[in-house]
Every structure is written in C-alpha cells, then in structure tokens.
Amino acid sequence: MSIDSSAAPACFGRGGEEPYDHALRTGGPLHLHEDTSAGGGSVTSRPVEVGRFLAGADRVERRLLAGTTGSVLDVGCGPGRMVAEARRRGRPALGVDVSPASVHLASTRGLPVHLGSVFDAVPHAGRWDVVLLLDGNVGIGGDPDALLGRCREIASPAGLLVVEAAPDRHRYRRYTARVSSSCGRGSDAFPWAEVGADALVDPARGAGWRPVREVRRRRRTFVVLAAEVGS
C-alpha cells in the first residue's frame, strides 16, 4: 500500500527521504524541529518517541481508555497501539493515519487502520464515542482550531475527545516543521502546532468542546473534552 508523496499534501514526516516510515521499520531515532530553510531563528529539536509508538499502550494510556466507554477512533494512530488496546477491551476501534508504514504494521497485526487524512472522508464519521489525539497529534495540519472542529464533526453527539497537550500549559504555537533522523534522512516541510492544556481551552470551546478533566503522568498531560450539547 503506497501513496504518491508528490501528490499528497504535506504531512508529518512524509516526503523527502521518508524518515518517519523508515524509523517505524527500523526503530528510529527521529527528531522534530522547526523548518528554517526560509530563514529565521532555529528552535531546539525534540525527539519523536518512535519506540513508544511501536510498543503497547502504557499505564496512563490504559487508564485513559478505562475512563471512557464505547467506540474509539485514534487520529494519527501510528502502528495502532491504542486500537489494539481498545479491541483488547472488546470495544469497536479504528485508527486513521497518513503513513503507509504505520498502516502496514497495523494491518500485519490484524488491526483496522484507515490510510488517509482525518480531514478527508473517515469511516462512520459522526458516530465515534471517543476520539483520540495523542502523541502531540493536536498539531496535525498545523491548525488546532480546524482540527478540533473536524474532530467534533466525526465524534458522536455525546462524544469525548482526548488530547495530549504540550508540556508548557500556555503554549500555542503554529509553525512549519521537518522530521529528521540521526543518519541524515529528512522529510519535506509540513505545518505543525503545539498546544498546552491551558491554551487548549478557548479553541476547544470554539469548536464545540468543553474540558471535563485532566490526566497527568510525568511530563505528559492529557485533556479530556466532552461535546457541547447542540454544538
């Protein structure tokens, strides 16, 4: 299964030498950093936790799922660890990802993962009880407001959205990024964003979500949002 990267929109880690897909096959490591090819100051890169993507759901992720009920849609699911965990609990689940390597890895484990963008057609849109945006995936598309609105469209009328927020609670930053590997593989530039738990509140409300609780573990913070009635 493959995508013509010359025709596909710029997405996380895609294009160039496909470092993200390569890291999923080999175990990484990768870094995410601001694209400075057009000039401007640089920012410190941060690691992309490929090993965690390839592992099973951890304790805090299992706790998150245990606090919800119903069907699960994991947006930017990677190789499908959260899909696997939801199905282990007997819950309907689907992953969505633009990475062919992610979809292939999930498929070899018998996990249902849809190859494509969350902004395109998504199976059973409007009927998902729980939508997940973990691993910083609130940055998908580089426009958190649009992404939160899209998640509201694909969630059920009484659905929940679980967002993993940036460590800095007040951070709201949109930028052009690249992914690169230690062996020199680099992706095309793509739009990305980082949003902290406090900065998430206003765009979430604007998209029809209200915060109901937070779950924290070490440097990871998750915000659980509920759909506003009538939104």
Protein backbone atom coordinates (compact mmCIF):
# COMPACT_ATOMS: atom_id res chain seq x y z
CA MET A 1 0.00 0.00 0.00
CA SER A 2 1.59 3.32 -1.00
CA ILE A 3 0.92 7.00 -1.55
CA ASP A 4 2.44 9.17 -4.26
CA SER A 5 4.14 11.68 -1.97
CA SER A 6 4.43 14.20 -4.83
CA ALA A 7 0.62 14.35 -4.97
CA ALA A 8 -0.13 14.03 -1.24
CA PRO A 9 -0.39 17.14 0.96
CA ALA A 10 2.50 17.86 3.32
CA CYS A 11 2.03 15.69 6.42
CA PHE A 12 4.06 14.71 9.48
CA GLY A 13 7.34 13.09 8.46
CA ARG A 14 6.27 12.49 4.85
CA GLY A 15 8.15 13.24 1.66
CA GLY A 16 11.88 13.67 1.17
CA GLU A 17 13.61 10.51 2.33
CA GLU A 18 10.53 9.38 4.31
CA PRO A 19 12.33 9.36 7.68
CA TYR A 20 9.22 8.57 9.71
CA ASP A 21 8.23 5.49 7.74
CA HIS A 22 11.86 4.35 7.74
CA ALA A 23 12.08 4.78 11.53
CA LEU A 24 8.91 2.75 12.05
CA ARG A 25 10.56 -0.12 10.16
CA THR A 26 13.92 0.19 11.95
CA GLY A 27 13.06 1.64 15.37
CA GLY A 28 14.27 5.24 14.96
CA PRO A 29 15.53 7.60 16.34
CA LEU A 30 13.90 10.76 14.98
CA HIS A 31 13.68 14.45 15.85
CA LEU A 32 11.05 17.08 15.10
CA HIS A 33 12.31 20.62 14.55
CA GLU A 34 11.29 23.90 13.00
CA ASP A 35 11.99 24.30 9.30
CA THR A 36 14.45 27.18 8.93
CA SER A 37 15.12 26.86 5.20
CA ALA A 38 13.36 30.18 4.55
CA GLY A 39 15.42 31.99 7.19
CA GLY A 40 14.57 32.98 10.74
CA GLY A 41 15.74 31.64 14.06
CA SER A 42 16.03 27.99 14.91
CA VAL A 43 14.39 26.18 17.80
CA THR A 44 15.58 23.23 19.79
CA SER A 45 14.52 19.95 18.26
CA ARG A 46 12.64 17.39 20.28
CA PRO A 47 12.70 13.61 19.98
CA VAL A 48 9.90 11.71 18.30
CA GLU A 49 9.23 8.71 20.52
CA VAL A 50 9.13 6.03 17.85
CA GLY A 51 9.79 3.30 20.42
CA ARG A 52 6.63 4.26 22.30
CA PHE A 53 4.62 4.23 19.07
CA LEU A 54 5.80 0.68 18.39
CA ALA A 55 5.12 -0.58 21.92
CA GLY A 56 1.80 -1.40 23.55
CA ALA A 57 -0.36 1.15 25.38
CA ASP A 58 1.30 2.22 28.63
CA ARG A 59 -0.26 2.55 32.07
CA VAL A 60 -1.56 6.10 31.65
CA GLU A 61 -2.95 5.32 28.19
CA ARG A 62 -4.75 2.27 29.54
CA ARG A 63 -6.12 4.45 32.33
CA LEU A 64 -7.41 6.93 29.79
CA LEU A 65 -9.30 4.26 27.89
CA ALA A 66 -10.65 2.74 31.10
CA GLY A 67 -12.24 6.10 31.90
CA THR A 68 -14.29 6.08 28.70
CA THR A 69 -16.83 3.81 27.03
CA GLY A 70 -17.91 3.00 23.52
CA SER A 71 -16.19 3.08 20.15
CA VAL A 72 -12.71 4.57 19.70
CA LEU A 73 -11.19 6.47 16.77
CA ASP A 74 -7.45 7.12 17.09
CA VAL A 75 -6.39 10.03 14.86
CA GLY A 76 -2.74 9.77 13.84
CA CYS A 77 -2.67 6.27 15.29
CA GLY A 78 0.76 5.16 14.09
CA PRO A 79 1.15 1.36 14.23
CA GLY A 80 -2.08 1.11 16.22
CA ARG A 81 -1.20 0.61 19.88
CA MET A 82 -4.38 2.33 21.09
CA VAL A 83 -6.52 0.49 18.55
CA ALA A 84 -5.05 -2.77 19.84
CA GLU A 85 -5.76 -1.79 23.45
CA ALA A 86 -9.35 -0.78 22.72
CA ARG A 87 -10.01 -4.02 20.87
CA ARG A 88 -8.42 -5.98 23.71
CA ARG A 89 -11.13 -4.45 25.89
CA GLY A 90 -13.81 -5.59 23.45
CA ARG A 91 -14.51 -2.12 22.06
CA PRO A 92 -15.01 -1.17 18.40
CA ALA A 93 -11.94 0.79 17.27
CA LEU A 94 -10.32 2.25 14.17
CA GLY A 95 -7.10 4.11 13.53
CA VAL A 96 -6.51 6.84 10.94
CA ASP A 97 -3.03 7.66 9.67
CA VAL A 98 -1.37 9.07 6.56
CA SER A 99 1.73 6.89 6.97
CA PRO A 100 1.78 3.78 4.74
CA ALA A 101 4.33 2.14 7.05
CA SER A 102 2.03 2.68 10.04
CA VAL A 103 -0.92 1.18 8.22
CA HIS A 104 1.16 -1.77 7.04
CA LEU A 105 2.45 -2.51 10.55
CA ALA A 106 -1.06 -2.30 11.97
CA SER A 107 -2.51 -4.46 9.22
CA THR A 108 0.07 -7.20 9.79
CA ARG A 109 -1.25 -7.39 13.37
CA GLY A 110 -4.82 -7.60 12.19
CA LEU A 111 -5.68 -4.08 13.35
CA PRO A 112 -8.14 -1.91 11.42
CA VAL A 113 -6.39 1.29 10.31
CA HIS A 114 -7.63 3.66 7.61
CA LEU A 115 -4.93 5.11 5.32
CA GLY A 116 -5.74 8.77 4.86
CA SER A 117 -6.16 12.18 6.45
CA VAL A 118 -8.65 12.96 9.19
CA PHE A 119 -9.71 15.93 7.05
CA ASP A 120 -10.85 13.58 4.28
CA ALA A 121 -13.65 11.02 4.45
CA VAL A 122 -13.47 8.97 7.68
CA PRO A 123 -15.47 5.76 8.13
CA HIS A 124 -18.52 6.13 10.41
CA ALA A 125 -17.99 9.89 10.81
CA GLY A 126 -20.34 11.38 13.38
CA ARG A 127 -20.65 8.13 15.32
CA TRP A 128 -17.39 7.76 17.27
CA ASP A 129 -17.84 7.82 21.05
CA VAL A 130 -14.19 8.59 21.79
CA VAL A 131 -11.71 10.39 19.53
CA LEU A 132 -8.02 10.33 20.46
CA LEU A 133 -5.37 12.93 19.63
CA LEU A 134 -2.34 11.52 21.46
CA ASP A 135 1.41 11.97 20.93
CA GLY A 136 1.04 15.68 20.16
CA ASN A 137 -1.35 14.96 17.29
CA VAL A 138 -3.31 18.11 18.08
CA GLY A 139 -0.62 19.55 15.78
CA ILE A 140 -1.92 17.67 12.72
CA GLY A 141 -2.44 20.10 9.85
CA GLY A 142 -0.85 22.98 11.74
CA ASP A 143 -4.25 24.47 12.64
CA PRO A 144 -5.57 23.25 16.02
CA ASP A 145 -8.84 25.17 15.63
CA ALA A 146 -9.63 23.40 12.36
CA LEU A 147 -8.58 20.01 13.74
CA LEU A 148 -10.70 20.36 16.87
CA GLY A 149 -13.63 21.33 14.69
CA ARG A 150 -13.09 18.34 12.45
CA CYS A 151 -12.95 16.04 15.48
CA ARG A 152 -16.28 17.49 16.60
CA GLU A 153 -17.75 16.53 13.20
CA ILE A 154 -16.58 12.92 13.35
CA ALA A 155 -17.43 12.35 17.03
CA SER A 156 -20.88 11.28 18.16
CA PRO A 157 -23.24 13.97 19.54
CA ALA A 158 -22.26 12.99 23.10
CA GLY A 159 -18.67 12.04 22.24
CA LEU A 160 -15.40 12.62 24.07
CA LEU A 161 -12.11 13.94 22.72
CA VAL A 162 -8.84 13.07 24.48
CA VAL A 163 -5.97 15.44 23.63
CA GLU A 164 -2.36 15.04 24.70
CA ALA A 165 -1.20 18.61 25.36
CA ALA A 166 2.26 20.18 25.17
CA PRO A 167 4.28 20.26 28.43
CA ASP A 168 4.08 24.08 28.57
CA ARG A 169 0.47 24.70 29.64
CA HIS A 170 0.29 28.13 27.97
CA ARG A 171 1.95 27.22 24.69
CA TYR A 172 0.04 27.81 21.45
CA ARG A 173 2.39 27.81 18.51
CA ARG A 174 1.89 27.09 14.82
CA TYR A 175 4.95 26.61 12.65
CA THR A 176 6.48 24.80 9.70
CA ALA A 177 8.39 21.69 10.78
CA ARG A 178 10.53 18.88 9.47
CA VAL A 179 11.39 15.43 10.80
CA SER A 180 14.94 14.14 10.51
CA SER A 181 16.86 11.06 11.55
CA SER A 182 20.32 10.70 13.05
CA CYS A 183 21.52 9.14 9.79
CA GLY A 184 20.58 12.25 7.79
CA ARG A 185 17.17 11.32 6.39
CA GLY A 186 14.88 14.33 6.23
CA SER A 187 11.20 14.86 5.45
CA ASP A 188 9.54 17.58 3.45
CA ALA A 189 8.38 20.61 5.41
CA PHE A 190 4.88 20.35 6.86
CA PRO A 191 2.58 22.51 9.01
CA TRP A 192 2.54 21.63 12.70
CA ALA A 193 1.41 23.07 16.02
CA GLU A 194 1.87 22.67 19.76
CA VAL A 195 -0.86 23.46 22.29
CA GLY A 196 -0.68 23.33 26.08
CA ALA A 197 -3.56 22.40 28.37
CA ASP A 198 -4.49 25.98 29.28
CA ALA A 199 -4.10 27.25 25.71
CA LEU A 200 -6.35 24.44 24.50
CA VAL A 201 -9.44 25.67 26.36
CA ASP A 202 -10.54 28.55 24.11
CA PRO A 203 -10.07 26.82 20.71
CA ALA A 204 -11.75 23.71 22.12
CA ARG A 205 -14.79 25.70 23.25
CA GLY A 206 -14.89 27.42 19.86
CA ALA A 207 -15.06 24.00 18.22
CA GLY A 208 -17.87 22.75 20.46
CA TRP A 209 -15.90 21.02 23.22
CA ARG A 210 -15.73 21.63 26.98
CA PRO A 211 -12.93 20.39 29.25
CA VAL A 212 -14.05 17.85 31.84
CA ARG A 213 -10.80 16.57 33.39
CA GLU A 214 -7.05 16.20 33.08
CA VAL A 215 -4.85 13.15 33.47
CA ARG A 216 -1.12 13.67 34.14
CA ARG A 217 1.85 11.36 34.28
CA ARG A 218 5.39 12.71 34.49
CA ARG A 219 5.70 15.23 31.62
CA ARG A 220 2.60 14.01 29.79
CA THR A 221 -0.70 15.87 30.19
CA PHE A 222 -3.99 14.71 28.69
CA VAL A 223 -7.13 16.82 28.50
CA VAL A 224 -10.48 15.05 28.23
CA LEU A 225 -13.14 17.13 26.46
CA ALA A 226 -16.86 16.49 26.08
CA ALA A 227 -19.01 17.56 23.17
CA GLU A 228 -21.22 20.54 23.95
CA VAL A 229 -24.88 19.68 23.56
CA GLY A 230 -26.33 21.29 20.46
CA SER A 231 -22.95 22.27 19.01
